[in-house]
Amino acid sequence: MAGTQGRSGGDRSIDIRDATQEDGGPIKPTLDKDVSDKWDLLVEQLPKKSLRKIDQHELKLLAELLVFSDKLAEAIRKDPSDHKSGRLFLNTCDRIHRMSASFGLNPGDRKRLRLSTDTEEEDDPFMEWLQGRSERIMERKDFYPPRTSGPPTKEGEE
């Protein structure tokens, strides 16, 4: 087990960050027009710093799944009683959802993957207000009660 002393891999440190070097991102393969459009849309929406050349295969598959889901959705619109298309559509959506998580395509996944966006780097006015307020409270003289020496006594005792 990794991380267990005295066992195979016990000396290995585990780092959850992506250790691959930035390499300019995935190179767009030759794709059909509709898949190519989905590819462009995906790459435009994904955080650029997180993409690597090796992601080309996953992005291609995700783009193909998105196109396939669009075609299935259209088939279901034409014939709502087509249960085979409905099952395929739901399975495809599930696969898209699972693959999307690895790229951080929803807020929860971005947080889990620790992907930063430009909006996260901006100063938060509420946090600034809280910080300033806590500093003002700490500066007040009556914030800290006066110190008494010794343990507290009951009234009437000295």
Protein backbone atom coordinates (compact mmCIF):
# COMPACT_ATOMS: atom_id res chain seq x y z
CA MET A 1 0.00 0.00 0.00
CA ALA A 2 1.28 3.43 -0.84
CA GLY A 3 2.23 5.43 2.21
CA THR A 4 2.48 2.46 4.61
CA GLN A 5 5.97 2.14 6.10
CA GLY A 6 7.65 -1.19 5.62
CA ARG A 7 5.48 -2.15 2.65
CA SER A 8 5.84 -1.81 -1.08
CA GLY A 9 5.65 1.86 -1.94
CA GLY A 10 5.85 2.93 1.69
CA ASP A 11 8.66 5.39 1.00
CA ARG A 12 6.77 7.05 -1.81
CA SER A 13 5.27 10.46 -1.16
CA ILE A 14 1.85 11.05 -2.61
CA ASP A 15 1.25 14.35 -4.38
CA ILE A 16 -2.27 15.02 -5.62
CA ARG A 17 -1.24 17.87 -7.94
CA ASP A 18 -0.64 17.30 -11.64
CA ALA A 19 3.10 16.84 -11.99
CA THR A 20 3.13 17.09 -15.79
CA GLN A 21 4.75 20.19 -17.22
CA GLU A 22 2.69 22.74 -19.09
CA ASP A 23 3.15 21.76 -22.72
CA GLY A 24 0.86 24.09 -24.63
CA GLY A 25 -2.26 21.99 -24.30
CA PRO A 26 -3.93 19.46 -26.57
CA ILE A 27 -3.49 19.59 -30.33
CA LYS A 28 -6.78 19.48 -32.19
CA PRO A 29 -7.05 16.27 -34.24
CA THR A 30 -8.88 15.95 -37.54
CA LEU A 31 -12.57 15.80 -36.65
CA ASP A 32 -15.97 15.94 -38.31
CA LYS A 33 -17.43 19.46 -38.44
CA ASP A 34 -19.95 18.99 -35.62
CA VAL A 35 -17.38 17.29 -33.36
CA SER A 36 -14.85 19.99 -34.25
CA ASP A 37 -17.33 22.68 -33.16
CA LYS A 38 -17.85 20.93 -29.80
CA TRP A 39 -14.06 20.59 -29.40
CA ASP A 40 -13.63 24.34 -29.93
CA LEU A 41 -16.38 25.09 -27.44
CA LEU A 42 -14.84 22.79 -24.83
CA VAL A 43 -11.30 24.11 -25.19
CA GLU A 44 -12.61 27.68 -25.02
CA GLN A 45 -14.41 26.97 -21.73
CA LEU A 46 -11.72 24.94 -19.96
CA PRO A 47 -9.00 26.52 -17.79
CA LYS A 48 -5.99 26.80 -20.13
CA LYS A 49 -3.38 26.14 -17.44
CA SER A 50 -4.85 22.73 -16.65
CA LEU A 51 -4.82 21.33 -20.19
CA ARG A 52 -1.99 19.09 -21.44
CA LYS A 53 -1.28 17.43 -24.80
CA ILE A 54 -2.27 14.07 -23.38
CA ASP A 55 -5.80 15.43 -22.79
CA GLN A 56 -6.39 15.34 -26.55
CA HIS A 57 -7.88 11.84 -26.41
CA GLU A 58 -10.28 12.56 -23.55
CA LEU A 59 -11.36 15.86 -25.11
CA LYS A 60 -12.01 14.15 -28.44
CA LEU A 61 -14.14 11.49 -26.76
CA LEU A 62 -16.03 14.10 -24.74
CA ALA A 63 -16.72 16.17 -27.89
CA GLU A 64 -17.95 13.04 -29.69
CA LEU A 65 -20.22 12.15 -26.77
CA LEU A 66 -21.68 15.66 -26.74
CA VAL A 67 -22.48 15.44 -30.45
CA PHE A 68 -23.98 11.95 -29.97
CA SER A 69 -26.16 13.22 -27.11
CA ASP A 70 -27.40 16.07 -29.32
CA LYS A 71 -28.37 13.57 -32.04
CA LEU A 72 -30.12 11.34 -29.50
CA ALA A 73 -31.98 14.31 -28.03
CA GLU A 74 -33.19 15.22 -31.52
CA ALA A 75 -34.35 11.61 -32.11
CA ILE A 76 -36.28 11.69 -28.81
CA ARG A 77 -37.91 15.01 -29.77
CA LYS A 78 -39.09 13.47 -33.05
CA ASP A 79 -40.34 10.24 -31.42
CA PRO A 80 -40.82 10.46 -27.63
CA SER A 81 -41.86 6.79 -27.51
CA ASP A 82 -38.39 5.64 -28.72
CA HIS A 83 -37.24 4.03 -25.48
CA LYS A 84 -33.99 2.74 -26.94
CA SER A 85 -32.88 6.28 -27.80
CA GLY A 86 -34.02 7.43 -24.37
CA ARG A 87 -31.85 4.84 -22.60
CA LEU A 88 -28.89 5.62 -24.84
CA PHE A 89 -29.36 9.33 -24.17
CA LEU A 90 -29.38 8.85 -20.40
CA ASN A 91 -26.30 6.62 -20.53
CA THR A 92 -24.51 9.13 -22.75
CA CYS A 93 -25.40 11.97 -20.39
CA ASP A 94 -24.03 9.95 -17.50
CA ARG A 95 -20.75 9.37 -19.34
CA ILE A 96 -20.53 13.06 -20.24
CA HIS A 97 -21.13 14.00 -16.61
CA ARG A 98 -18.38 11.66 -15.38
CA MET A 99 -15.90 12.82 -18.02
CA SER A 100 -16.75 16.47 -17.39
CA ALA A 101 -15.76 16.05 -13.77
CA SER A 102 -12.18 15.26 -14.74
CA PHE A 103 -11.93 18.59 -16.58
CA GLY A 104 -13.73 20.66 -13.94
CA LEU A 105 -16.73 21.63 -16.03
CA ASN A 106 -18.94 22.41 -13.04
CA PRO A 107 -18.24 24.51 -9.92
CA GLY A 108 -18.01 21.55 -7.53
CA ASP A 109 -15.47 19.80 -9.71
CA ARG A 110 -13.39 22.95 -10.11
CA LYS A 111 -13.25 23.26 -6.34
CA ARG A 112 -12.35 19.59 -5.91
CA LEU A 113 -9.64 19.85 -8.57
CA ARG A 114 -8.43 23.13 -7.06
CA LEU A 115 -8.68 24.93 -10.37
CA SER A 116 -8.56 28.68 -10.04
CA THR A 117 -10.39 31.00 -12.36
CA ASP A 118 -9.92 34.69 -12.94
CA THR A 119 -13.00 35.49 -10.87
CA GLU A 120 -11.66 33.57 -7.86
CA GLU A 121 -8.46 35.62 -7.85
CA GLU A 122 -10.30 38.92 -7.53
CA ASP A 123 -10.61 40.46 -4.09
CA ASP A 124 -13.85 39.63 -2.38
CA PRO A 125 -15.41 42.82 -0.94
CA PHE A 126 -17.22 40.88 1.78
CA MET A 127 -13.99 39.24 2.95
CA GLU A 128 -12.26 42.64 2.95
CA TRP A 129 -15.10 44.04 5.08
CA LEU A 130 -14.86 41.11 7.51
CA GLN A 131 -11.09 41.47 7.78
CA GLY A 132 -11.34 45.21 8.44
CA ARG A 133 -14.13 44.69 10.99
CA SER A 134 -12.19 42.04 12.90
CA GLU A 135 -9.13 44.33 13.01
CA ARG A 136 -11.24 47.23 14.38
CA ILE A 137 -12.77 44.97 17.05
CA MET A 138 -9.35 43.70 18.11
CA GLU A 139 -8.11 47.31 18.47
CA ARG A 140 -10.90 48.27 20.86
CA LYS A 141 -9.75 48.62 24.43
CA ASP A 142 -12.89 47.03 25.87
CA PHE A 143 -12.57 43.95 23.64
CA TYR A 144 -10.29 42.18 26.08
CA PRO A 145 -11.63 42.02 29.66
CA PRO A 146 -9.27 43.30 32.36
CA ARG A 147 -7.03 40.55 33.71
CA THR A 148 -7.36 39.60 37.33
CA SER A 149 -4.70 37.74 39.15
CA GLY A 150 -5.61 34.43 40.71
CA PRO A 151 -8.78 32.39 40.40
CA PRO A 152 -12.17 34.10 40.58
CA THR A 153 -13.70 34.27 44.03
CA LYS A 154 -17.30 34.11 45.21
CA GLU A 155 -18.93 37.25 46.48
CA GLY A 156 -18.27 37.84 50.15
CA GLU A 157 -14.99 35.90 50.10
CA GLU A 158 -11.66 37.61 50.04
